[in-house]
Amino acid sequence: MAQKMIYFSFMFEVWLVYVGSMFPIFLLFMSLGQSLHVVMIVASVLTFLFIIVQRTFRGLHLINQIQKNI
């Protein structure tokens, strides 16, 4: 249970890093409300992609470990 909480807090921190890094850039081109809205959507999509890539590579690593043991 504690490991899942650590994982979720790490994913939330990744999301915050995405928001914090993209918000000033989008703020140059849009109003405050629009840029915050777009940044939250883009950060959510990037975080989901990060999770998918992370799980894919973890699965590939497990497959390689199984093949080495055979």
PDB file of N, CA and C in Angstrom:
ATOM      1  N   MET A   1       0.829  -1.196   0.000  1.00  0.00           N
ATOM      2  CA  MET A   1       0.000   0.000   0.000  1.00  0.00           C
ATOM      3  C   MET A   1       0.873   1.260   0.000  1.00  0.00           C
ATOM      4  N   ALA A   2       1.914   1.226   0.803  1.00  0.00           N
ATOM      5  CA  ALA A   2       2.799   2.392   0.866  1.00  0.00           C
ATOM      6  C   ALA A   2       3.531   2.580  -0.457  1.00  0.00           C
ATOM      7  N   GLN A   3       3.835   1.476  -1.140  1.00  0.00           N
ATOM      8  CA  GLN A   3       4.528   1.574  -2.418  1.00  0.00           C
ATOM      9  C   GLN A   3       3.638   2.236  -3.475  1.00  0.00           C
ATOM     10  N   LYS A   4       2.338   1.943  -3.433  1.00  0.00           N
ATOM     11  CA  LYS A   4       1.417   2.592  -4.371  1.00  0.00           C
ATOM     12  C   LYS A   4       1.286   4.077  -4.084  1.00  0.00           C
ATOM     13  N   MET A   5       1.295   4.448  -2.812  1.00  0.00           N
ATOM     14  CA  MET A   5       1.216   5.868  -2.468  1.00  0.00           C
ATOM     15  C   MET A   5       2.458   6.615  -2.936  1.00  0.00           C
ATOM     16  N   ILE A   6       3.609   5.970  -2.809  1.00  0.00           N
ATOM     17  CA  ILE A   6       4.848   6.580  -3.289  1.00  0.00           C
ATOM     18  C   ILE A   6       4.791   6.755  -4.799  1.00  0.00           C
ATOM     19  N   TYR A   7       4.284   5.727  -5.506  1.00  0.00           N
ATOM     20  CA  TYR A   7       4.170   5.799  -6.966  1.00  0.00           C
ATOM     21  C   TYR A   7       3.213   6.910  -7.380  1.00  0.00           C
ATOM     22  N   PHE A   8       2.049   7.011  -6.721  1.00  0.00           N
ATOM     23  CA  PHE A   8       1.091   8.063  -7.062  1.00  0.00           C
ATOM     24  C   PHE A   8       1.643   9.452  -6.749  1.00  0.00           C
ATOM     25  N   SER A   9       2.371   9.593  -5.654  1.00  0.00           N
ATOM     26  CA  SER A   9       2.956  10.898  -5.348  1.00  0.00           C
ATOM     27  C   SER A   9       4.040  11.260  -6.361  1.00  0.00           C
ATOM     28  N   PHE A  10       4.793  10.251  -6.824  1.00  0.00           N
ATOM     29  CA  PHE A  10       5.799  10.504  -7.857  1.00  0.00           C
ATOM     30  C   PHE A  10       5.130  10.947  -9.158  1.00  0.00           C
ATOM     31  N   MET A  11       4.025  10.296  -9.530  1.00  0.00           N
ATOM     32  CA  MET A  11       3.312  10.680 -10.754  1.00  0.00           C
ATOM     33  C   MET A  11       2.724  12.089 -10.618  1.00  0.00           C
ATOM     34  N   PHE A  12       2.244  12.436  -9.444  1.00  0.00           N
ATOM     35  CA  PHE A  12       1.730  13.793  -9.223  1.00  0.00           C
ATOM     36  C   PHE A  12       2.856  14.823  -9.332  1.00  0.00           C
ATOM     37  N   GLU A  13       4.031  14.473  -8.827  1.00  0.00           N
ATOM     38  CA  GLU A  13       5.174  15.378  -8.941  1.00  0.00           C
ATOM     39  C   GLU A  13       5.612  15.530 -10.392  1.00  0.00           C
ATOM     40  N   VAL A  14       5.563  14.448 -11.163  1.00  0.00           N
ATOM     41  CA  VAL A  14       5.874  14.538 -12.597  1.00  0.00           C
ATOM     42  C   VAL A  14       4.885  15.481 -13.277  1.00  0.00           C
ATOM     43  N   TRP A  15       3.603  15.348 -12.927  1.00  0.00           N
ATOM     44  CA  TRP A  15       2.580  16.218 -13.494  1.00  0.00           C
ATOM     45  C   TRP A  15       2.851  17.680 -13.132  1.00  0.00           C
ATOM     46  N   LEU A  16       3.228  17.925 -11.869  1.00  0.00           N
ATOM     47  CA  LEU A  16       3.522  19.294 -11.447  1.00  0.00           C
ATOM     48  C   LEU A  16       4.735  19.866 -12.170  1.00  0.00           C
ATOM     49  N   VAL A  17       5.728  19.042 -12.431  1.00  0.00           N
ATOM     50  CA  VAL A  17       6.906  19.505 -13.177  1.00  0.00           C
ATOM     51  C   VAL A  17       6.499  19.898 -14.592  1.00  0.00           C
ATOM     52  N   TYR A  18       5.654  19.076 -15.220  1.00  0.00           N
ATOM     53  CA  TYR A  18       5.176  19.422 -16.556  1.00  0.00           C
ATOM     54  C   TYR A  18       4.400  20.742 -16.531  1.00  0.00           C
ATOM     55  N   VAL A  19       3.506  20.901 -15.570  1.00  0.00           N
ATOM     56  CA  VAL A  19       2.712  22.131 -15.475  1.00  0.00           C
ATOM     57  C   VAL A  19       3.627  23.327 -15.215  1.00  0.00           C
ATOM     58  N   GLY A  20       4.547  23.175 -14.286  1.00  0.00           N
ATOM     59  CA  GLY A  20       5.432  24.281 -13.942  1.00  0.00           C
ATOM     60  C   GLY A  20       6.354  24.696 -15.069  1.00  0.00           C
ATOM     61  N   SER A  21       6.744  23.744 -15.899  1.00  0.00           N
ATOM     62  CA  SER A  21       7.664  24.091 -16.981  1.00  0.00           C
ATOM     63  C   SER A  21       6.939  24.638 -18.209  1.00  0.00           C
ATOM     64  N   MET A  22       5.708  24.203 -18.446  1.00  0.00           N
ATOM     65  CA  MET A  22       4.990  24.658 -19.646  1.00  0.00           C
ATOM     66  C   MET A  22       4.141  25.899 -19.418  1.00  0.00           C
ATOM     67  N   PHE A  23       3.733  26.147 -18.191  1.00  0.00           N
ATOM     68  CA  PHE A  23       2.822  27.269 -17.920  1.00  0.00           C
ATOM     69  C   PHE A  23       3.389  28.621 -18.351  1.00  0.00           C
ATOM     70  N   PRO A  24       4.636  28.953 -18.017  1.00  0.00           N
ATOM     71  CA  PRO A  24       5.145  30.273 -18.463  1.00  0.00           C
ATOM     72  C   PRO A  24       5.215  30.400 -19.985  1.00  0.00           C
ATOM     73  N   ILE A  25       5.495  29.282 -20.673  1.00  0.00           N
ATOM     74  CA  ILE A  25       5.577  29.334 -22.137  1.00  0.00           C
ATOM     75  C   ILE A  25       4.202  29.594 -22.736  1.00  0.00           C
ATOM     76  N   PHE A  26       3.189  28.866 -22.264  1.00  0.00           N
ATOM     77  CA  PHE A  26       1.841  29.070 -22.784  1.00  0.00           C
ATOM     78  C   PHE A  26       1.280  30.424 -22.360  1.00  0.00           C
ATOM     79  N   LEU A  27       1.733  30.940 -21.246  1.00  0.00           N
ATOM     80  CA  LEU A  27       1.259  32.230 -20.769  1.00  0.00           C
ATOM     81  C   LEU A  27       1.682  33.363 -21.701  1.00  0.00           C
ATOM     82  N   LEU A  28       2.776  33.158 -22.424  1.00  0.00           N
ATOM     83  CA  LEU A  28       3.207  34.174 -23.387  1.00  0.00           C
ATOM     84  C   LEU A  28       2.244  34.300 -24.556  1.00  0.00           C
ATOM     85  N   PHE A  29       1.562  33.218 -24.897  1.00  0.00           N
ATOM     86  CA  PHE A  29       0.732  33.200 -26.097  1.00  0.00           C
ATOM     87  C   PHE A  29      -0.766  33.257 -25.824  1.00  0.00           C
ATOM     88  N   MET A  30      -1.193  33.009 -24.572  1.00  0.00           N
ATOM     89  CA  MET A  30      -2.627  32.961 -24.259  1.00  0.00           C
ATOM     90  C   MET A  30      -2.893  33.733 -22.978  1.00  0.00           C
ATOM     91  N   SER A  31      -4.178  33.865 -22.672  1.00  0.00           N
ATOM     92  CA  SER A  31      -4.544  34.496 -21.405  1.00  0.00           C
ATOM     93  C   SER A  31      -4.295  33.513 -20.261  1.00  0.00           C
ATOM     94  N   LEU A  32      -4.430  33.988 -19.040  1.00  0.00           N
ATOM     95  CA  LEU A  32      -4.142  33.171 -17.857  1.00  0.00           C
ATOM     96  C   LEU A  32      -5.031  31.934 -17.790  1.00  0.00           C
ATOM     97  N   GLY A  33      -6.330  32.109 -17.968  1.00  0.00           N
ATOM     98  CA  GLY A  33      -7.255  30.975 -17.867  1.00  0.00           C
ATOM     99  C   GLY A  33      -7.057  29.961 -18.974  1.00  0.00           C
ATOM    100  N   GLN A  34      -6.877  30.450 -20.200  1.00  0.00           N
ATOM    101  CA  GLN A  34      -6.664  29.538 -21.323  1.00  0.00           C
ATOM    102  C   GLN A  34      -5.364  28.769 -21.175  1.00  0.00           C
ATOM    103  N   SER A  35      -4.308  29.450 -20.807  1.00  0.00           N
ATOM    104  CA  SER A  35      -3.019  28.773 -20.704  1.00  0.00           C
ATOM    105  C   SER A  35      -3.027  27.738 -19.585  1.00  0.00           C
ATOM    106  N   LEU A  36      -3.656  28.040 -18.465  1.00  0.00           N
ATOM    107  CA  LEU A  36      -3.734  27.074 -17.368  1.00  0.00           C
ATOM    108  C   LEU A  36      -4.544  25.846 -17.789  1.00  0.00           C
ATOM    109  N   HIS A  37      -5.624  26.079 -18.507  1.00  0.00           N
ATOM    110  CA  HIS A  37      -6.464  24.975 -18.974  1.00  0.00           C
ATOM    111  C   HIS A  37      -5.696  24.080 -19.949  1.00  0.00           C
ATOM    112  N   VAL A  38      -5.038  24.684 -20.922  1.00  0.00           N
ATOM    113  CA  VAL A  38      -4.290  23.919 -21.925  1.00  0.00           C
ATOM    114  C   VAL A  38      -3.114  23.191 -21.281  1.00  0.00           C
ATOM    115  N   VAL A  39      -2.424  23.854 -20.368  1.00  0.00           N
ATOM    116  CA  VAL A  39      -1.271  23.228 -19.711  1.00  0.00           C
ATOM    117  C   VAL A  39      -1.704  22.022 -18.882  1.00  0.00           C
ATOM    118  N   MET A  40      -2.829  22.116 -18.200  1.00  0.00           N
ATOM    119  CA  MET A  40      -3.288  20.977 -17.402  1.00  0.00           C
ATOM    120  C   MET A  40      -3.645  19.793 -18.292  1.00  0.00           C
ATOM    121  N   ILE A  41      -4.250  20.049 -19.436  1.00  0.00           N
ATOM    122  CA  ILE A  41      -4.584  18.969 -20.366  1.00  0.00           C
ATOM    123  C   ILE A  41      -3.315  18.344 -20.945  1.00  0.00           C
ATOM    124  N   VAL A  42      -2.392  19.176 -21.409  1.00  0.00           N
ATOM    125  CA  VAL A  42      -1.155  18.664 -21.999  1.00  0.00           C
ATOM    126  C   VAL A  42      -0.331  17.907 -20.960  1.00  0.00           C
ATOM    127  N   ALA A  43      -0.259  18.420 -19.750  1.00  0.00           N
ATOM    128  CA  ALA A  43       0.498  17.738 -18.690  1.00  0.00           C
ATOM    129  C   ALA A  43      -0.134  16.393 -18.351  1.00  0.00           C
ATOM    130  N   SER A  44      -1.447  16.311 -18.355  1.00  0.00           N
ATOM    131  CA  SER A  44      -2.118  15.037 -18.084  1.00  0.00           C
ATOM    132  C   SER A  44      -1.820  14.021 -19.179  1.00  0.00           C
ATOM    133  N   VAL A  45      -1.877  14.457 -20.436  1.00  0.00           N
ATOM    134  CA  VAL A  45      -1.570  13.551 -21.548  1.00  0.00           C
ATOM    135  C   VAL A  45      -0.122  13.081 -21.468  1.00  0.00           C
ATOM    136  N   LEU A  46       0.804  13.985 -21.215  1.00  0.00           N
ATOM    137  CA  LEU A  46       2.219  13.602 -21.111  1.00  0.00           C
ATOM    138  C   LEU A  46       2.466  12.668 -19.938  1.00  0.00           C
ATOM    139  N   THR A  47       1.772  12.872 -18.837  1.00  0.00           N
ATOM    140  CA  THR A  47       1.937  11.987 -17.683  1.00  0.00           C
ATOM    141  C   THR A  47       1.417  10.592 -18.003  1.00  0.00           C
ATOM    142  N   PHE A  48       0.269  10.507 -18.678  1.00  0.00           N
ATOM    143  CA  PHE A  48      -0.243   9.189 -19.071  1.00  0.00           C
ATOM    144  C   PHE A  48       0.707   8.498 -20.041  1.00  0.00           C
ATOM    145  N   LEU A  49       1.278   9.247 -20.987  1.00  0.00           N
ATOM    146  CA  LEU A  49       2.264   8.659 -21.894  1.00  0.00           C
ATOM    147  C   LEU A  49       3.498   8.184 -21.139  1.00  0.00           C
ATOM    148  N   PHE A  50       3.923   8.950 -20.151  1.00  0.00           N
ATOM    149  CA  PHE A  50       5.057   8.562 -19.324  1.00  0.00           C
ATOM    150  C   PHE A  50       4.779   7.251 -18.604  1.00  0.00           C
ATOM    151  N   ILE A  51       3.567   7.090 -18.073  1.00  0.00           N
ATOM    152  CA  ILE A  51       3.188   5.863 -17.373  1.00  0.00           C
ATOM    153  C   ILE A  51       3.171   4.689 -18.345  1.00  0.00           C
ATOM    154  N   ILE A  52       2.614   4.888 -19.539  1.00  0.00           N
ATOM    155  CA  ILE A  52       2.554   3.812 -20.527  1.00  0.00           C
ATOM    156  C   ILE A  52       3.949   3.368 -20.946  1.00  0.00           C
ATOM    157  N   VAL A  53       4.821   4.323 -21.234  1.00  0.00           N
ATOM    158  CA  VAL A  53       6.187   3.980 -21.636  1.00  0.00           C
ATOM    159  C   VAL A  53       6.922   3.283 -20.502  1.00  0.00           C
ATOM    160  N   GLN A  54       6.741   3.757 -19.286  1.00  0.00           N
ATOM    161  CA  GLN A  54       7.403   3.153 -18.134  1.00  0.00           C
ATOM    162  C   GLN A  54       6.958   1.701 -17.946  1.00  0.00           C
ATOM    163  N   ARG A  55       5.664   1.434 -18.045  1.00  0.00           N
ATOM    164  CA  ARG A  55       5.162   0.063 -17.883  1.00  0.00           C
ATOM    165  C   ARG A  55       5.586  -0.832 -19.044  1.00  0.00           C
ATOM    166  N   THR A  56       5.662  -0.260 -20.251  1.00  0.00           N
ATOM    167  CA  THR A  56       6.099  -1.041 -21.407  1.00  0.00           C
ATOM    168  C   THR A  56       7.541  -1.491 -21.237  1.00  0.00           C
ATOM    169  N   PHE A  57       8.414  -0.573 -20.838  1.00  0.00           N
ATOM    170  CA  PHE A  57       9.810  -0.943 -20.672  1.00  0.00           C
ATOM    171  C   PHE A  57      10.014  -1.883 -19.492  1.00  0.00           C
ATOM    172  N   ARG A  58       9.193  -1.760 -18.458  1.00  0.00           N
ATOM    173  CA  ARG A  58       9.276  -2.693 -17.334  1.00  0.00           C
ATOM    174  C   ARG A  58       8.880  -4.093 -17.808  1.00  0.00           C
ATOM    175  N   GLY A  59       7.845  -4.173 -18.657  1.00  0.00           N
ATOM    176  CA  GLY A  59       7.436  -5.459 -19.209  1.00  0.00           C
ATOM    177  C   GLY A  59       8.498  -6.057 -20.107  1.00  0.00           C
ATOM    178  N   LEU A  60       9.143  -5.214 -20.923  1.00  0.00           N
ATOM    179  CA  LEU A  60      10.217  -5.711 -21.776  1.00  0.00           C
ATOM    180  C   LEU A  60      11.392  -6.204 -20.948  1.00  0.00           C
ATOM    181  N   HIS A  61      11.689  -5.528 -19.863  1.00  0.00           N
ATOM    182  CA  HIS A  61      12.773  -5.947 -18.980  1.00  0.00           C
ATOM    183  C   HIS A  61      12.468  -7.308 -18.364  1.00  0.00           C
ATOM    184  N   LEU A  62      11.215  -7.514 -17.953  1.00  0.00           N
ATOM    185  CA  LEU A  62      10.832  -8.802 -17.382  1.00  0.00           C
ATOM    186  C   LEU A  62      10.914  -9.906 -18.414  1.00  0.00           C
ATOM    187  N   ILE A  63      10.539  -9.615 -19.670  1.00  0.00           N
ATOM    188  CA  ILE A  63      10.636 -10.616 -20.735  1.00  0.00           C
ATOM    189  C   ILE A  63      12.092 -10.991 -20.960  1.00  0.00           C
ATOM    190  N   ASN A  64      12.972  -9.989 -20.965  1.00  0.00           N
ATOM    191  CA  ASN A  64      14.404 -10.271 -21.165  1.00  0.00           C
ATOM    192  C   ASN A  64      14.964 -11.094 -20.020  1.00  0.00           C
ATOM    193  N   GLN A  65      14.531 -10.824 -18.790  1.00  0.00           N
ATOM    194  CA  GLN A  65      14.997 -11.593 -17.646  1.00  0.00           C
ATOM    195  C   GLN A  65      14.539 -13.056 -17.739  1.00  0.00           C
ATOM    196  N   ILE A  66      13.320 -13.270 -18.185  1.00  0.00           N
ATOM    197  CA  ILE A  66      12.792 -14.633 -18.335  1.00  0.00           C
ATOM    198  C   ILE A  66      13.561 -15.376 -19.415  1.00  0.00           C
ATOM    199  N   GLN A  67      13.873 -14.690 -20.534  1.00  0.00           N
ATOM    200  CA  GLN A  67      14.605 -15.334 -21.608  1.00  0.00           C
ATOM    201  C   GLN A  67      16.022 -15.681 -21.186  1.00  0.00           C
ATOM    202  N   LYS A  68      16.652 -14.866 -20.360  1.00  0.00           N
ATOM    203  CA  LYS A  68      18.001 -15.165 -19.882  1.00  0.00           C
ATOM    204  C   LYS A  68      18.005 -16.364 -18.955  1.00  0.00           C
ATOM    205  N   ASN A  69      16.922 -16.558 -18.205  1.00  0.00           N
ATOM    206  CA  ASN A  69      16.860 -17.663 -17.264  1.00  0.00           C
ATOM    207  C   ASN A  69      16.557 -18.996 -17.939  1.00  0.00           C
ATOM    208  N   ILE A  70      16.075 -18.958 -19.169  1.00  0.00           N
ATOM    209  CA  ILE A  70      15.732 -20.213 -19.873  1.00  0.00           C
ATOM    210  C   ILE A  70      16.958 -20.883 -20.436  1.00  0.00           C
TER     211      ILE A  70
END
